[in-house]
Protein backbone atom coordinates (compact mmCIF):
# COMPACT_ATOMS: atom_id res chain seq x y z
CA MET A 1 0.00 0.00 0.00
CA ASP A 2 1.51 3.35 -1.03
CA ILE A 3 1.42 6.64 0.88
CA TYR A 4 -1.45 7.98 -1.26
CA THR A 5 -3.67 5.01 -0.45
CA ILE A 6 -2.84 5.29 3.25
CA ALA A 7 -3.64 9.03 3.20
CA PHE A 8 -6.88 8.36 1.32
CA TYR A 9 -8.17 5.86 3.87
CA ALA A 10 -6.83 7.73 6.89
CA THR A 11 -8.49 11.02 5.99
CA SER A 12 -11.72 9.27 5.01
CA PHE A 13 -12.02 7.21 8.17
CA LEU A 14 -10.88 9.96 10.53
CA ALA A 15 -13.58 12.31 9.22
CA VAL A 16 -16.41 9.84 9.93
CA PRO A 17 -16.52 10.38 13.73
CA LEU A 18 -16.76 14.14 13.25
CA TRP A 19 -19.65 13.78 10.83
CA LEU A 20 -21.35 11.33 13.17
CA LEU A 21 -21.03 13.79 16.05
CA MET A 22 -22.70 16.52 13.99
CA ILE A 23 -25.45 14.26 12.64
CA VAL A 24 -26.18 11.86 15.51
CA MET A 25 -25.19 13.89 18.58
CA PRO A 26 -25.59 17.55 17.53
CA LYS A 27 -26.57 18.78 21.00
CA ALA A 28 -23.83 16.96 22.94
CA ALA A 29 -21.32 19.15 24.74
CA LEU A 30 -18.47 17.18 23.13
CA THR A 31 -19.81 17.87 19.63
CA GLN A 32 -20.25 21.56 20.32
CA ARG A 33 -16.78 21.86 21.84
CA VAL A 34 -15.07 20.01 19.00
CA MET A 35 -16.95 21.80 16.22
CA LYS A 36 -16.39 25.28 17.63
CA SER A 37 -12.70 24.92 16.82
CA VAL A 38 -11.74 25.67 13.24
CA TYR A 39 -8.66 23.55 13.92
CA THR A 40 -10.88 20.48 13.68
CA VAL A 41 -10.39 20.43 9.91
CA ILE A 42 -6.66 21.25 9.85
CA PRO A 43 -5.44 17.67 10.48
CA PHE A 44 -7.25 16.65 7.29
CA ALA A 45 -5.55 19.34 5.24
CA ILE A 46 -2.03 18.43 6.39
CA PRO A 47 -1.76 15.14 4.43
CA TYR A 48 -2.89 16.99 1.31
CA ALA A 49 -0.25 19.68 1.79
CA LEU A 50 2.50 17.14 2.44
CA LEU A 51 1.61 15.03 -0.58
CA GLU A 52 1.15 18.03 -2.87
CA LEU A 53 4.44 19.77 -2.00
CA PRO A 54 6.58 17.47 -4.20
CA HIS A 55 4.21 18.27 -7.10
CA LEU A 56 3.77 21.96 -6.33
CA ARG A 57 5.51 23.13 -9.48
CA ASP A 58 3.15 21.06 -11.63
CA ALA A 59 0.16 22.28 -9.63
CA LEU A 60 1.18 25.91 -10.10
CA LEU A 61 1.56 25.36 -13.84
CA PHE A 62 -2.09 24.24 -13.80
CA ALA A 63 -3.19 27.88 -13.35
CA ALA A 64 -5.39 27.90 -16.47
CA PRO A 65 -7.50 24.73 -16.17
CA SER A 66 -9.70 23.34 -18.91
CA PRO A 67 -11.91 20.25 -18.99
CA GLU A 68 -9.24 18.53 -21.07
CA LYS A 69 -6.44 19.38 -18.63
CA ILE A 70 -8.51 18.23 -15.66
CA GLY A 71 -9.34 14.98 -17.47
CA GLU A 72 -5.66 14.41 -18.13
CA LEU A 73 -4.81 15.27 -14.53
CA PHE A 74 -7.21 12.61 -13.24
CA THR A 75 -5.52 9.88 -15.24
CA HIS A 76 -2.78 9.95 -12.59
CA PRO A 77 -3.66 7.97 -9.44
CA HIS A 78 -1.93 10.43 -7.13
CA SER A 79 -4.06 13.27 -8.56
CA VAL A 80 -7.26 11.36 -7.89
CA VAL A 81 -6.23 10.65 -4.31
CA LEU A 82 -5.09 14.24 -3.78
CA ALA A 83 -8.45 15.47 -5.07
CA TRP A 84 -10.22 13.20 -2.58
CA ILE A 85 -7.99 14.37 0.26
CA HIS A 86 -8.82 17.93 -0.85
CA PHE A 87 -12.57 17.23 -0.70
CA VAL A 88 -12.54 15.77 2.82
CA PRO A 89 -11.47 18.90 4.76
CA VAL A 90 -13.39 21.28 2.48
CA ASP A 91 -16.59 19.23 2.86
CA LEU A 92 -15.99 18.95 6.59
CA PHE A 93 -15.48 22.71 6.84
CA ALA A 94 -18.76 23.34 5.00
CA GLY A 95 -20.57 20.80 7.18
CA ARG A 96 -19.06 22.36 10.28
CA TRP A 97 -20.30 25.79 9.20
CA ILE A 98 -23.82 24.45 8.59
CA TYR A 99 -23.77 22.64 11.93
CA LEU A 100 -22.69 25.76 13.86
CA ASP A 101 -25.08 28.04 12.00
CA SER A 102 -28.02 25.68 12.48
CA ARG A 103 -27.31 25.43 16.22
CA ARG A 104 -27.10 29.23 16.48
CA GLN A 105 -30.38 29.57 14.57
CA GLY A 106 -32.05 27.04 16.87
CA PHE A 107 -33.02 24.71 14.03
CA SER A 108 -34.33 21.26 14.94
CA ALA A 109 -31.62 18.62 15.13
CA TRP A 110 -34.09 16.14 13.62
CA LEU A 111 -34.60 18.34 10.58
CA MET A 112 -30.90 19.05 10.28
CA ALA A 113 -29.82 15.38 10.31
CA PRO A 114 -30.89 14.68 6.70
CA ILE A 115 -29.42 17.99 5.52
CA MET A 116 -26.12 17.20 7.25
CA THR A 117 -26.15 13.69 5.77
CA LEU A 118 -26.72 15.17 2.33
CA CYS A 119 -23.88 17.60 2.96
CA LEU A 120 -21.62 14.68 3.90
CA LEU A 121 -22.43 12.86 0.66
CA LEU A 122 -22.96 15.76 -1.78
CA THR A 123 -21.72 18.92 -0.10
CA PRO A 124 -22.78 21.52 -2.69
CA LEU A 125 -26.31 20.09 -2.82
CA GLY A 126 -26.47 19.92 0.98
CA MET A 127 -25.44 23.57 1.16
CA VAL A 128 -28.12 24.62 -1.32
CA ILE A 129 -30.78 22.69 0.62
CA TYR A 130 -29.61 24.29 3.86
CA PHE A 131 -29.78 27.79 2.37
CA ILE A 132 -33.29 27.06 1.07
CA TYR A 133 -34.26 25.81 4.54
CA ARG A 134 -32.91 29.03 6.03
CA LEU A 135 -35.03 31.06 3.62
CA ILE A 136 -38.17 29.04 4.44
CA ALA A 137 -37.43 29.40 8.15
CA GLY A 138 -37.25 33.18 7.70
CA LYS A 139 -33.50 33.41 8.43
CA PRO A 140 -32.05 34.35 5.04
CA GLY A 141 -29.13 36.52 6.20
CA LEU A 142 -25.67 35.04 6.42
CA ASP A 143 -24.20 38.02 8.21
CA GLN A 144 -23.02 36.18 11.34
CA GLU A 145 -19.85 34.15 11.46
CA ALA A 146 -19.93 30.54 12.56
């Protein structure tokens, strides 16, 4: 097993408990304490940074992407794994924001569980559904920080 495969599984499996806390135990003191720290997502970004550094020159040359260039990029196994390792902390950060905002808004944990699950699986769609829910709930402004 190479370092990319190890990083893929490690970041994937280590994110699961955090998602479970937000979805299954959103009101628990532990969940609230852990999710209030932005540093929760940093450990997931570190493997990406470490694995990308040796390829940084190539990544910087990728400044003008096109569908063809991205398709070519994803023919390399390390690029696919790096993309996944990129998604994990970004998705977790978005889920964390939704979790904190929903708690601050006083939204029902029961109603938030499916939205958080959707965010885990399809983050952009989960975010759109959450924003629609905010509008329906009469809380459209995003002026407060999480």
